[in-house]
Amino acid sequence: MKTFLSKQAKKYLDKLPKNIREKIVSAIKNIPLGDVKPLKGKYRGFYRLRVSNHRILFKREDNTIYVYRIDVRGDVNK
């Protein structure tokens, strides 16, 4: 499965400590496993993946995952 990260997602990952970054990257590689929920409202068609205190906002199309945003809980939908 191919994974593409947005500019914001790459920048956020680069700023994280190595252990948290590895945990998030591992969770993204293992999608659809994990705590994944579909979103409603203006983010219809997107999913969120929960990794400890962080949320990953992504869209899945065929065999490709597009990660649009990674942020701490509560700030990801802003």
PDB file of N, CA and C in Angstrom:
ATOM      1  N   MET A   1       0.830  -1.169   0.000  1.00  0.00           N
ATOM      2  CA  MET A   1       0.000   0.000   0.000  1.00  0.00           C
ATOM      3  C   MET A   1       0.886   1.249   0.000  1.00  0.00           C
ATOM      4  N   LYS A   2       0.585   2.201  -0.880  1.00  0.00           N
ATOM      5  CA  LYS A   2       1.352   3.440  -0.971  1.00  0.00           C
ATOM      6  C   LYS A   2       0.810   4.457   0.033  1.00  0.00           C
ATOM      7  N   THR A   3       1.715   5.277   0.564  1.00  0.00           N
ATOM      8  CA  THR A   3       1.334   6.314   1.514  1.00  0.00           C
ATOM      9  C   THR A   3       1.958   7.634   1.093  1.00  0.00           C
ATOM     10  N   PHE A   4       1.130   8.663   1.038  1.00  0.00           N
ATOM     11  CA  PHE A   4       1.596  10.010   0.731  1.00  0.00           C
ATOM     12  C   PHE A   4       1.278  10.905   1.911  1.00  0.00           C
ATOM     13  N   LEU A   5       2.249  11.724   2.304  1.00  0.00           N
ATOM     14  CA  LEU A   5       2.065  12.660   3.404  1.00  0.00           C
ATOM     15  C   LEU A   5       2.040  14.085   2.875  1.00  0.00           C
ATOM     16  N   SER A   6       1.148  14.887   3.442  1.00  0.00           N
ATOM     17  CA  SER A   6       1.095  16.299   3.067  1.00  0.00           C
ATOM     18  C   SER A   6       2.312  17.019   3.633  1.00  0.00           C
ATOM     19  N   LYS A   7       2.517  18.230   3.192  1.00  0.00           N
ATOM     20  CA  LYS A   7       3.638  19.032   3.675  1.00  0.00           C
ATOM     21  C   LYS A   7       3.527  19.245   5.186  1.00  0.00           C
ATOM     22  N   GLN A   8       2.312  19.507   5.669  1.00  0.00           N
ATOM     23  CA  GLN A   8       2.101  19.713   7.105  1.00  0.00           C
ATOM     24  C   GLN A   8       2.437  18.451   7.893  1.00  0.00           C
ATOM     25  N   ALA A   9       2.010  17.294   7.379  1.00  0.00           N
ATOM     26  CA  ALA A   9       2.251  16.035   8.082  1.00  0.00           C
ATOM     27  C   ALA A   9       3.751  15.739   8.176  1.00  0.00           C
ATOM     28  N   LYS A  10       4.476  15.947   7.076  1.00  0.00           N
ATOM     29  CA  LYS A  10       5.923  15.719   7.084  1.00  0.00           C
ATOM     30  C   LYS A  10       6.618  16.651   8.070  1.00  0.00           C
ATOM     31  N   LYS A  11       6.232  17.913   8.051  1.00  0.00           N
ATOM     32  CA  LYS A  11       6.842  18.911   8.922  1.00  0.00           C
ATOM     33  C   LYS A  11       6.581  18.577  10.393  1.00  0.00           C
ATOM     34  N   TYR A  12       5.366  18.156  10.700  1.00  0.00           N
ATOM     35  CA  TYR A  12       5.017  17.812  12.074  1.00  0.00           C
ATOM     36  C   TYR A  12       5.802  16.587  12.544  1.00  0.00           C
ATOM     37  N   LEU A  13       5.899  15.585  11.683  1.00  0.00           N
ATOM     38  CA  LEU A  13       6.657  14.374  12.040  1.00  0.00           C
ATOM     39  C   LEU A  13       8.123  14.687  12.299  1.00  0.00           C
ATOM     40  N   ASP A  14       8.692  15.561  11.510  1.00  0.00           N
ATOM     41  CA  ASP A  14      10.104  15.917  11.679  1.00  0.00           C
ATOM     42  C   ASP A  14      10.382  16.580  13.025  1.00  0.00           C
ATOM     43  N   LYS A  15       9.402  17.268  13.578  1.00  0.00           N
ATOM     44  CA  LYS A  15       9.588  17.970  14.844  1.00  0.00           C
ATOM     45  C   LYS A  15       9.419  17.063  16.067  1.00  0.00           C
ATOM     46  N   LEU A  16       8.821  15.902  15.874  1.00  0.00           N
ATOM     47  CA  LEU A  16       8.553  15.005  17.001  1.00  0.00           C
ATOM     48  C   LEU A  16       9.809  14.283  17.461  1.00  0.00           C
ATOM     49  N   PRO A  17       9.832  13.879  18.742  1.00  0.00           N
ATOM     50  CA  PRO A  17      10.931  13.034  19.218  1.00  0.00           C
ATOM     51  C   PRO A  17      10.919  11.692  18.481  1.00  0.00           C
ATOM     52  N   LYS A  18      12.062  11.086  18.365  1.00  0.00           N
ATOM     53  CA  LYS A  18      12.234   9.874  17.559  1.00  0.00           C
ATOM     54  C   LYS A  18      11.280   8.751  17.972  1.00  0.00           C
ATOM     55  N   ASN A  19      11.101   8.518  19.276  1.00  0.00           N
ATOM     56  CA  ASN A  19      10.261   7.404  19.710  1.00  0.00           C
ATOM     57  C   ASN A  19       8.793   7.604  19.320  1.00  0.00           C
ATOM     58  N   ILE A  20       8.289   8.827  19.429  1.00  0.00           N
ATOM     59  CA  ILE A  20       6.899   9.107  19.048  1.00  0.00           C
ATOM     60  C   ILE A  20       6.745   9.054  17.534  1.00  0.00           C
ATOM     61  N   ARG A  21       7.733   9.593  16.812  1.00  0.00           N
ATOM     62  CA  ARG A  21       7.713   9.559  15.343  1.00  0.00           C
ATOM     63  C   ARG A  21       7.636   8.118  14.841  1.00  0.00           C
ATOM     64  N   GLU A  22       8.442   7.229  15.416  1.00  0.00           N
ATOM     65  CA  GLU A  22       8.442   5.827  15.002  1.00  0.00           C
ATOM     66  C   GLU A  22       7.103   5.162  15.283  1.00  0.00           C
ATOM     67  N   LYS A  23       6.481   5.502  16.406  1.00  0.00           N
ATOM     68  CA  LYS A  23       5.179   4.943  16.760  1.00  0.00           C
ATOM     69  C   LYS A  23       4.117   5.374  15.746  1.00  0.00           C
ATOM     70  N   ILE A  24       4.144   6.643  15.343  1.00  0.00           N
ATOM     71  CA  ILE A  24       3.163   7.161  14.391  1.00  0.00           C
ATOM     72  C   ILE A  24       3.385   6.560  13.005  1.00  0.00           C
ATOM     73  N   VAL A  25       4.621   6.496  12.565  1.00  0.00           N
ATOM     74  CA  VAL A  25       4.933   5.919  11.250  1.00  0.00           C
ATOM     75  C   VAL A  25       4.510   4.453  11.207  1.00  0.00           C
ATOM     76  N   SER A  26       4.762   3.720  12.270  1.00  0.00           N
ATOM     77  CA  SER A  26       4.360   2.321  12.338  1.00  0.00           C
ATOM     78  C   SER A  26       2.844   2.175  12.265  1.00  0.00           C
ATOM     79  N   ALA A  27       2.116   3.047  12.958  1.00  0.00           N
ATOM     80  CA  ALA A  27       0.653   3.003  12.931  1.00  0.00           C
ATOM     81  C   ALA A  27       0.118   3.308  11.537  1.00  0.00           C
ATOM     82  N   ILE A  28       0.736   4.265  10.840  1.00  0.00           N
ATOM     83  CA  ILE A  28       0.304   4.604   9.479  1.00  0.00           C
ATOM     84  C   ILE A  28       0.544   3.427   8.537  1.00  0.00           C
ATOM     85  N   LYS A  29       1.662   2.756   8.687  1.00  0.00           N
ATOM     86  CA  LYS A  29       1.965   1.600   7.833  1.00  0.00           C
ATOM     87  C   LYS A  29       0.994   0.455   8.069  1.00  0.00           C
ATOM     88  N   ASN A  30       0.415   0.361   9.286  1.00  0.00           N
ATOM     89  CA  ASN A  30      -0.471  -0.745   9.634  1.00  0.00           C
ATOM     90  C   ASN A  30      -1.953  -0.422   9.486  1.00  0.00           C
ATOM     91  N   ILE A  31      -2.274   0.690   8.832  1.00  0.00           N
ATOM     92  CA  ILE A  31      -3.687   1.002   8.567  1.00  0.00           C
ATOM     93  C   ILE A  31      -4.244  -0.124   7.725  1.00  0.00           C
ATOM     94  N   PRO A  32      -5.376  -0.702   7.978  1.00  0.00           N
ATOM     95  CA  PRO A  32      -6.525  -0.276   8.771  1.00  0.00           C
ATOM     96  C   PRO A  32      -6.537  -0.792  10.210  1.00  0.00           C
ATOM     97  N   LEU A  33      -5.477  -1.389  10.685  1.00  0.00           N
ATOM     98  CA  LEU A  33      -5.428  -1.803  12.077  1.00  0.00           C
ATOM     99  C   LEU A  33      -5.303  -0.576  12.970  1.00  0.00           C
ATOM    100  N   GLY A  34      -5.723  -0.708  14.196  1.00  0.00           N
ATOM    101  CA  GLY A  34      -5.623   0.414  15.120  1.00  0.00           C
ATOM    102  C   GLY A  34      -6.969   1.052  15.352  1.00  0.00           C
ATOM    103  N   ASP A  35      -6.967   2.149  16.062  1.00  0.00           N
ATOM    104  CA  ASP A  35      -8.183   2.871  16.401  1.00  0.00           C
ATOM    105  C   ASP A  35      -8.524   3.842  15.278  1.00  0.00           C
ATOM    106  N   VAL A  36      -9.260   3.344  14.278  1.00  0.00           N
ATOM    107  CA  VAL A  36      -9.627   4.135  13.098  1.00  0.00           C
ATOM    108  C   VAL A  36     -11.137   4.362  13.119  1.00  0.00           C
ATOM    109  N   LYS A  37     -11.539   5.621  12.913  1.00  0.00           N
ATOM    110  CA  LYS A  37     -12.964   5.951  12.854  1.00  0.00           C
ATOM    111  C   LYS A  37     -13.222   6.881  11.675  1.00  0.00           C
ATOM    112  N   PRO A  38     -14.373   6.690  11.001  1.00  0.00           N
ATOM    113  CA  PRO A  38     -14.731   7.635   9.936  1.00  0.00           C
ATOM    114  C   PRO A  38     -15.183   8.953  10.548  1.00  0.00           C
ATOM    115  N   LEU A  39     -14.917  10.047   9.856  1.00  0.00           N
ATOM    116  CA  LEU A  39     -15.301  11.368  10.343  1.00  0.00           C
ATOM    117  C   LEU A  39     -16.596  11.819   9.672  1.00  0.00           C
ATOM    118  N   LYS A  40     -17.279  12.737  10.323  1.00  0.00           N
ATOM    119  CA  LYS A  40     -18.556  13.266   9.825  1.00  0.00           C
ATOM    120  C   LYS A  40     -18.413  14.754   9.554  1.00  0.00           C
ATOM    121  N   GLY A  41     -19.458  15.345   9.004  1.00  0.00           N
ATOM    122  CA  GLY A  41     -19.474  16.789   8.783  1.00  0.00           C
ATOM    123  C   GLY A  41     -18.597  17.201   7.629  1.00  0.00           C
ATOM    124  N   LYS A  42     -17.827  18.282   7.835  1.00  0.00           N
ATOM    125  CA  LYS A  42     -17.023  18.811   6.732  1.00  0.00           C
ATOM    126  C   LYS A  42     -15.879  17.876   6.347  1.00  0.00           C
ATOM    127  N   TYR A  43     -15.582  16.885   7.182  1.00  0.00           N
ATOM    128  CA  TYR A  43     -14.511  15.926   6.879  1.00  0.00           C
ATOM    129  C   TYR A  43     -15.070  14.578   6.418  1.00  0.00           C
ATOM    130  N   ARG A  44     -16.266  14.577   5.884  1.00  0.00           N
ATOM    131  CA  ARG A  44     -16.868  13.336   5.392  1.00  0.00           C
ATOM    132  C   ARG A  44     -15.965  12.716   4.341  1.00  0.00           C
ATOM    133  N   GLY A  45     -15.735  11.423   4.456  1.00  0.00           N
ATOM    134  CA  GLY A  45     -14.844  10.722   3.536  1.00  0.00           C
ATOM    135  C   GLY A  45     -13.442  10.552   4.094  1.00  0.00           C
ATOM    136  N   PHE A  46     -13.150  11.231   5.200  1.00  0.00           N
ATOM    137  CA  PHE A  46     -11.857  11.117   5.861  1.00  0.00           C
ATOM    138  C   PHE A  46     -11.980  10.182   7.057  1.00  0.00           C
ATOM    139  N   TYR A  47     -10.840   9.716   7.509  1.00  0.00           N
ATOM    140  CA  TYR A  47     -10.770   8.877   8.697  1.00  0.00           C
ATOM    141  C   TYR A  47      -9.762   9.475   9.650  1.00  0.00           C
ATOM    142  N   ARG A  48      -9.878   9.105  10.921  1.00  0.00           N
ATOM    143  CA  ARG A  48      -8.873   9.527  11.883  1.00  0.00           C
ATOM    144  C   ARG A  48      -8.308   8.280  12.550  1.00  0.00           C
ATOM    145  N   LEU A  49      -7.017   8.319  12.739  1.00  0.00           N
ATOM    146  CA  LEU A  49      -6.289   7.252  13.414  1.00  0.00           C
ATOM    147  C   LEU A  49      -5.746   7.828  14.708  1.00  0.00           C
ATOM    148  N   ARG A  50      -6.023   7.145  15.811  1.00  0.00           N
ATOM    149  CA  ARG A  50      -5.558   7.618  17.110  1.00  0.00           C
ATOM    150  C   ARG A  50      -4.289   6.879  17.485  1.00  0.00           C
ATOM    151  N   VAL A  51      -3.244   7.640  17.813  1.00  0.00           N
ATOM    152  CA  VAL A  51      -1.986   7.082  18.295  1.00  0.00           C
ATOM    153  C   VAL A  51      -1.627   7.875  19.548  1.00  0.00           C
ATOM    154  N   SER A  52      -1.863   7.289  20.702  1.00  0.00           N
ATOM    155  CA  SER A  52      -1.710   7.917  22.016  1.00  0.00           C
ATOM    156  C   SER A  52      -2.373   9.292  22.017  1.00  0.00           C
ATOM    157  N   ASN A  53      -1.630  10.372  22.122  1.00  0.00           N
ATOM    158  CA  ASN A  53      -2.197  11.717  22.219  1.00  0.00           C
ATOM    159  C   ASN A  53      -2.290  12.409  20.859  1.00  0.00           C
ATOM    160  N   HIS A  54      -1.932  11.712  19.792  1.00  0.00           N
ATOM    161  CA  HIS A  54      -1.920  12.306  18.450  1.00  0.00           C
ATOM    162  C   HIS A  54      -3.040  11.721  17.597  1.00  0.00           C
ATOM    163  N   ARG A  55      -3.466  12.532  16.632  1.00  0.00           N
ATOM    164  CA  ARG A  55      -4.483  12.097  15.675  1.00  0.00           C
ATOM    165  C   ARG A  55      -3.947  12.294  14.274  1.00  0.00           C
ATOM    166  N   ILE A  56      -4.210  11.297  13.425  1.00  0.00           N
ATOM    167  CA  ILE A  56      -3.784  11.344  12.034  1.00  0.00           C
ATOM    168  C   ILE A  56      -5.050  11.391  11.183  1.00  0.00           C
ATOM    169  N   LEU A  57      -5.194  12.430  10.390  1.00  0.00           N
ATOM    170  CA  LEU A  57      -6.341  12.602   9.511  1.00  0.00           C
ATOM    171  C   LEU A  57      -5.928  12.119   8.126  1.00  0.00           C
ATOM    172  N   PHE A  58      -6.638  11.111   7.608  1.00  0.00           N
ATOM    173  CA  PHE A  58      -6.244  10.540   6.322  1.00  0.00           C
ATOM    174  C   PHE A  58      -7.453  10.162   5.491  1.00  0.00           C
ATOM    175  N   LYS A  59      -7.173   9.943   4.211  1.00  0.00           N
ATOM    176  CA  LYS A  59      -8.182   9.501   3.255  1.00  0.00           C
ATOM    177  C   LYS A  59      -7.611   8.278   2.558  1.00  0.00           C
ATOM    178  N   ARG A  60      -8.449   7.299   2.325  1.00  0.00           N
ATOM    179  CA  ARG A  60      -7.994   6.072   1.675  1.00  0.00           C
ATOM    180  C   ARG A  60      -8.699   5.919   0.336  1.00  0.00           C
ATOM    181  N   GLU A  61      -7.913   5.747  -0.712  1.00  0.00           N
ATOM    182  CA  GLU A  61      -8.453   5.532  -2.055  1.00  0.00           C
ATOM    183  C   GLU A  61      -7.736   4.348  -2.665  1.00  0.00           C
ATOM    184  N   ASP A  62      -8.472   3.293  -2.935  1.00  0.00           N
ATOM    185  CA  ASP A  62      -7.923   2.044  -3.462  1.00  0.00           C
ATOM    186  C   ASP A  62      -6.761   1.566  -2.594  1.00  0.00           C
ATOM    187  N   ASN A  63      -5.576   1.455  -3.132  1.00  0.00           N
ATOM    188  CA  ASN A  63      -4.403   0.994  -2.383  1.00  0.00           C
ATOM    189  C   ASN A  63      -3.498   2.147  -1.972  1.00  0.00           C
ATOM    190  N   THR A  64      -4.057   3.342  -1.834  1.00  0.00           N
ATOM    191  CA  THR A  64      -3.265   4.514  -1.502  1.00  0.00           C
ATOM    192  C   THR A  64      -3.859   5.213  -0.300  1.00  0.00           C
ATOM    193  N   ILE A  65      -2.988   5.640   0.610  1.00  0.00           N
ATOM    194  CA  ILE A  65      -3.404   6.398   1.781  1.00  0.00           C
ATOM    195  C   ILE A  65      -2.792   7.788   1.680  1.00  0.00           C
ATOM    196  N   TYR A  66      -3.652   8.796   1.792  1.00  0.00           N
ATOM    197  CA  TYR A  66      -3.215  10.181   1.769  1.00  0.00           C
ATOM    198  C   TYR A  66      -3.346  10.748   3.181  1.00  0.00           C
ATOM    199  N   VAL A  67      -2.233  11.024   3.814  1.00  0.00           N
ATOM    200  CA  VAL A  67      -2.239  11.599   5.165  1.00  0.00           C
ATOM    201  C   VAL A  67      -2.239  13.112   5.009  1.00  0.00           C
ATOM    202  N   TYR A  68      -3.319  13.750   5.462  1.00  0.00           N
ATOM    203  CA  TYR A  68      -3.467  15.187   5.297  1.00  0.00           C
ATOM    204  C   TYR A  68      -2.955  15.980   6.493  1.00  0.00           C
ATOM    205  N   ARG A  69      -3.122  15.421   7.679  1.00  0.00           N
ATOM    206  CA  ARG A  69      -2.764  16.199   8.860  1.00  0.00           C
ATOM    207  C   ARG A  69      -2.429  15.278  10.026  1.00  0.00           C
ATOM    208  N   ILE A  70      -1.441  15.663  10.796  1.00  0.00           N
ATOM    209  CA  ILE A  70      -1.085  14.994  12.042  1.00  0.00           C
ATOM    210  C   ILE A  70      -0.975  16.094  13.091  1.00  0.00           C
ATOM    211  N   ASP A  71      -1.644  15.891  14.221  1.00  0.00           N
ATOM    212  CA  ASP A  71      -1.599  16.902  15.276  1.00  0.00           C
ATOM    213  C   ASP A  71      -2.018  16.259  16.594  1.00  0.00           C
ATOM    214  N   VAL A  72      -1.925  17.036  17.666  1.00  0.00           N
ATOM    215  CA  VAL A  72      -2.345  16.532  18.960  1.00  0.00           C
ATOM    216  C   VAL A  72      -3.860  16.518  19.030  1.00  0.00           C
ATOM    217  N   ARG A  73      -4.364  15.711  19.929  1.00  0.00           N
ATOM    218  CA  ARG A  73      -5.803  15.559  20.107  1.00  0.00           C
ATOM    219  C   ARG A  73      -6.442  16.928  20.346  1.00  0.00           C
ATOM    220  N   GLY A  74      -7.535  17.201  19.661  1.00  0.00           N
ATOM    221  CA  GLY A  74      -8.237  18.462  19.825  1.00  0.00           C
ATOM    222  C   GLY A  74      -7.852  19.516  18.807  1.00  0.00           C
ATOM    223  N   ASP A  75      -6.642  19.476  18.285  1.00  0.00           N
ATOM    224  CA  ASP A  75      -6.197  20.486  17.317  1.00  0.00           C
ATOM    225  C   ASP A  75      -6.258  20.005  15.878  1.00  0.00           C
ATOM    226  N   VAL A  76      -6.484  18.736  15.664  1.00  0.00           N
ATOM    227  CA  VAL A  76      -6.405  18.176  14.311  1.00  0.00           C
ATOM    228  C   VAL A  76      -7.536  18.646  13.411  1.00  0.00           C
ATOM    229  N   ASN A  77      -8.720  18.917  13.946  1.00  0.00           N
ATOM    230  CA  ASN A  77      -9.858  19.300  13.119  1.00  0.00           C
ATOM    231  C   ASN A  77      -9.980  20.799  12.916  1.00  0.00           C
ATOM    232  N   LYS A  78      -9.008  21.572  13.346  1.00  0.00           N
ATOM    233  CA  LYS A  78      -9.087  23.031  13.203  1.00  0.00           C
ATOM    234  C   LYS A  78      -8.441  23.496  11.925  1.00  0.00           C
TER     235      LYS A  78
END
